[in-house]
N, C-alpha and C. Protein backbone atom coordinates (compact mmCIF):
# COMPACT_ATOMS: atom_id res chain seq x y z
N MET A 1 15.67 50.08 -32.69
CA MET A 1 14.97 48.46 -32.62
C MET A 1 15.40 48.08 -31.18
N SER A 2 14.85 47.15 -30.78
CA SER A 2 14.81 46.94 -29.23
C SER A 2 15.46 45.64 -29.17
N ASN A 3 15.80 45.36 -27.73
CA ASN A 3 16.49 43.97 -27.76
C ASN A 3 15.37 43.14 -27.20
N ILE A 4 14.22 43.60 -26.52
CA ILE A 4 13.41 43.02 -26.30
C ILE A 4 12.81 42.22 -26.92
N ILE A 5 12.48 40.47 -26.35
CA ILE A 5 11.95 39.56 -27.13
C ILE A 5 10.64 39.81 -26.44
N THR A 6 10.02 39.62 -26.94
CA THR A 6 8.35 39.21 -27.07
C THR A 6 7.90 37.69 -26.66
N ILE A 7 7.70 37.26 -25.81
CA ILE A 7 6.77 35.41 -26.56
C ILE A 7 5.17 35.93 -26.80
N LYS A 8 4.89 35.32 -27.77
CA LYS A 8 3.33 35.21 -28.20
C LYS A 8 2.43 34.24 -27.64
N ASN A 9 1.21 34.41 -26.91
CA ASN A 9 0.79 33.23 -26.59
C ASN A 9 1.42 32.33 -25.51
N TYR A 10 2.41 33.65 -24.21
CA TYR A 10 2.69 32.62 -23.43
C TYR A 10 1.39 32.53 -22.45
N LYS A 11 1.87 30.91 -21.87
CA LYS A 11 1.20 30.23 -21.11
C LYS A 11 1.57 29.89 -19.70
N LYS A 12 0.86 30.28 -18.47
CA LYS A 12 1.20 30.35 -17.54
C LYS A 12 1.03 28.95 -17.08
N ILE A 13 2.43 28.30 -16.15
CA ILE A 13 2.42 26.59 -15.91
C ILE A 13 1.69 26.59 -14.76
N THR A 14 1.26 26.00 -14.62
CA THR A 14 0.53 25.56 -13.53
C THR A 14 0.76 23.92 -13.06
N MET A 15 0.74 23.79 -11.53
CA MET A 15 0.62 22.29 -11.28
C MET A 15 -0.43 21.53 -10.80
N THR A 16 -0.57 20.34 -11.42
CA THR A 16 -1.62 20.33 -11.13
C THR A 16 -1.33 18.80 -9.98
N PRO A 17 -2.57 18.54 -9.08
CA PRO A 17 -2.42 17.77 -8.00
C PRO A 17 -1.78 16.55 -8.48
N GLY A 18 -1.84 15.73 -9.69
CA GLY A 18 -1.21 14.40 -10.11
C GLY A 18 0.69 14.81 -10.01
N ASP A 19 0.65 15.99 -10.89
CA ASP A 19 2.05 16.62 -11.11
C ASP A 19 2.84 16.52 -9.77
N ILE A 20 2.14 16.84 -8.47
CA ILE A 20 2.28 17.22 -7.08
C ILE A 20 2.99 15.44 -6.77
N LYS A 21 2.33 14.44 -7.27
CA LYS A 21 2.27 13.14 -6.08
C LYS A 21 3.20 12.61 -7.02
N LEU A 22 3.80 13.05 -8.54
CA LEU A 22 4.53 12.37 -9.25
C LEU A 22 6.06 12.78 -8.56
N TYR A 23 6.18 14.31 -7.95
CA TYR A 23 7.08 14.59 -7.95
C TYR A 23 7.32 14.80 -5.89
N VAL A 24 6.38 14.08 -5.47
CA VAL A 24 6.32 13.64 -4.05
C VAL A 24 7.12 12.01 -4.21
N PHE A 25 6.27 11.30 -4.85
CA PHE A 25 6.82 10.47 -5.15
C PHE A 25 8.18 9.94 -5.55
N ASN A 26 8.62 10.78 -6.75
CA ASN A 26 9.85 10.85 -7.18
C ASN A 26 11.00 10.98 -5.89
N CYS A 27 10.62 12.02 -5.10
CA CYS A 27 11.31 12.34 -3.88
C CYS A 27 11.72 11.51 -2.94
N VAL A 28 10.79 10.75 -2.59
CA VAL A 28 10.64 9.45 -1.96
C VAL A 28 11.31 8.63 -2.46
N ALA A 29 11.08 7.90 -3.54
CA ALA A 29 12.27 7.57 -4.02
C ALA A 29 13.58 7.47 -4.30
N LEU A 30 14.12 8.77 -4.23
CA LEU A 30 15.33 8.63 -4.41
C LEU A 30 15.88 8.67 -2.94
N ALA A 31 15.02 9.40 -1.95
CA ALA A 31 15.97 9.34 -0.81
C ALA A 31 15.90 7.99 -0.07
N ILE A 32 14.97 7.35 -0.46
CA ILE A 32 15.15 5.69 -0.04
C ILE A 32 15.80 4.82 -0.59
N SER A 33 16.54 5.19 -1.95
CA SER A 33 17.52 4.74 -2.72
C SER A 33 19.29 5.42 -1.81
N ILE A 34 18.80 6.59 -1.81
CA ILE A 34 19.99 7.05 -1.22
C ILE A 34 20.56 6.44 0.29
N THR A 35 19.61 6.10 1.17
CA THR A 35 19.90 5.70 2.28
C THR A 35 19.84 3.99 2.47
N ASN A 36 20.14 3.96 3.71
CA ASN A 36 20.63 2.66 4.00
C ASN A 36 19.25 1.62 4.14
N ILE A 37 18.53 1.84 3.60
CA ILE A 37 17.10 1.20 4.07
C ILE A 37 17.21 0.35 3.08
N GLU A 38 17.84 0.11 1.88
CA GLU A 38 17.78 -0.26 0.46
C GLU A 38 18.36 -1.68 1.15
N VAL A 39 19.37 -1.40 2.00
CA VAL A 39 19.80 -3.31 2.63
C VAL A 39 19.21 -3.65 3.81
N ALA A 40 18.60 -2.80 4.45
CA ALA A 40 17.71 -3.33 5.05
C ALA A 40 15.87 -4.24 4.77
N MET A 41 15.54 -3.32 3.04
CA MET A 41 14.76 -4.04 2.89
C MET A 41 15.23 -5.37 2.14
N LYS A 42 16.30 -5.72 1.90
CA LYS A 42 16.79 -6.68 0.96
C LYS A 42 17.22 -7.98 2.06
N LEU A 43 17.23 -7.25 3.59
CA LEU A 43 17.23 -8.52 4.56
C LEU A 43 15.86 -8.74 4.71
N ILE A 44 15.21 -8.27 5.19
CA ILE A 44 13.69 -8.29 5.21
C ILE A 44 12.85 -8.80 3.82
N LEU A 45 13.40 -8.97 2.66
CA LEU A 45 12.86 -9.78 1.44
C LEU A 45 13.52 -11.61 1.51
N LEU A 46 14.47 -10.92 1.95
CA LEU A 46 15.08 -12.56 1.67
C LEU A 46 14.60 -13.27 3.02
N SER A 47 14.37 -12.77 4.34
CA SER A 47 13.93 -13.55 5.42
C SER A 47 12.88 -14.12 4.76
N VAL A 48 12.22 -13.30 4.60
CA VAL A 48 10.25 -13.54 4.32
C VAL A 48 10.70 -14.56 3.04
N SER A 49 11.00 -14.58 2.00
CA SER A 49 11.44 -15.41 1.15
C SER A 49 11.98 -17.04 1.73
N ILE A 50 12.61 -17.05 2.59
CA ILE A 50 13.09 -18.09 3.21
C ILE A 50 11.75 -18.89 4.34
N LEU A 51 11.24 -17.70 4.64
CA LEU A 51 10.25 -18.47 5.82
C LEU A 51 9.36 -19.17 5.04
N TYR A 52 8.92 -18.67 4.10
CA TYR A 52 7.34 -18.81 2.75
C TYR A 52 8.60 -19.93 2.34
N THR A 53 9.34 -20.52 2.14
CA THR A 53 9.83 -21.57 1.10
C THR A 53 9.73 -22.73 2.27
N ILE A 54 10.41 -22.72 3.66
CA ILE A 54 9.98 -23.29 4.89
C ILE A 54 8.14 -23.89 4.97
N MET A 55 7.75 -22.93 5.12
CA MET A 55 6.61 -23.32 5.45
C MET A 55 5.77 -23.76 3.40
N LYS A 56 6.09 -23.72 2.84
CA LYS A 56 5.47 -24.67 1.49
C LYS A 56 6.16 -26.02 1.69
N ILE A 57 7.49 -26.02 2.10
CA ILE A 57 8.49 -27.61 1.97
C ILE A 57 7.00 -28.41 3.10
N VAL A 58 6.72 -27.41 4.43
CA VAL A 58 6.18 -28.40 5.51
C VAL A 58 4.75 -28.94 5.32
N ASP A 59 4.30 -27.91 4.21
CA ASP A 59 2.69 -27.69 4.22
C ASP A 59 2.96 -29.40 3.19
N LEU A 60 3.50 -29.23 1.96
CA LEU A 60 3.49 -30.53 0.77
C LEU A 60 3.82 -31.60 2.24
N LYS A 61 4.86 -31.53 2.64
CA LYS A 61 5.30 -32.91 3.52
C LYS A 61 4.15 -33.13 4.59
N ASN A 62 3.00 -32.36 5.05
CA ASN A 62 1.87 -32.66 5.60
C ASN A 62 0.54 -33.20 4.58
N ASN A 63 1.05 -33.04 3.40
CA ASN A 63 -0.44 -33.10 2.54
C ASN A 63 0.41 -34.57 1.89
N LYS A 64 1.61 -34.65 1.86
CA LYS A 64 1.82 -35.83 1.37
C LYS A 64 1.56 -37.59 2.53
N SER A 65 2.00 -37.06 3.46
CA SER A 65 1.69 -37.69 4.46
C SER A 65 0.27 -38.57 4.67
N LYS A 66 -0.83 -37.31 4.26
CA LYS A 66 -2.19 -37.33 4.67
C LYS A 66 -2.48 -38.58 3.11
N LYS A 67 -2.22 -37.88 2.37
CA LYS A 67 -2.59 -38.95 1.19
C LYS A 67 -2.14 -40.36 1.33
N ASN A 68 -0.86 -40.47 2.06
CA ASN A 68 -0.60 -42.07 1.92
C ASN A 68 -1.29 -42.27 3.02
N GLU A 69 -1.95 -41.71 3.93
CA GLU A 69 -2.66 -42.37 4.79
C GLU A 69 -3.91 -42.88 4.30
N GLU A 70 -4.44 -41.95 3.34
CA GLU A 70 -5.89 -42.37 2.91
C GLU A 70 -5.82 -43.38 1.99
N LEU A 71 -4.38 -43.96 1.33
CA LEU A 71 -4.62 -45.32 0.92
C LEU A 71 -4.79 -46.14 1.55
């Protein structure tokens, strides 16, 4: 008897372009999460949200004053 095991219906594993894109995306996400860019992204998001809130408050105030002038 032989100790060699044969595999029937062996299928060669090939990578599709979709698989490669997925691996690249996962590697980039892992690299970003390991580096300090996450802190910078949080600061940018906080700054943008504060700026948006200030702009919205000013816009609402201007619209309210225009409505009062029309009355």
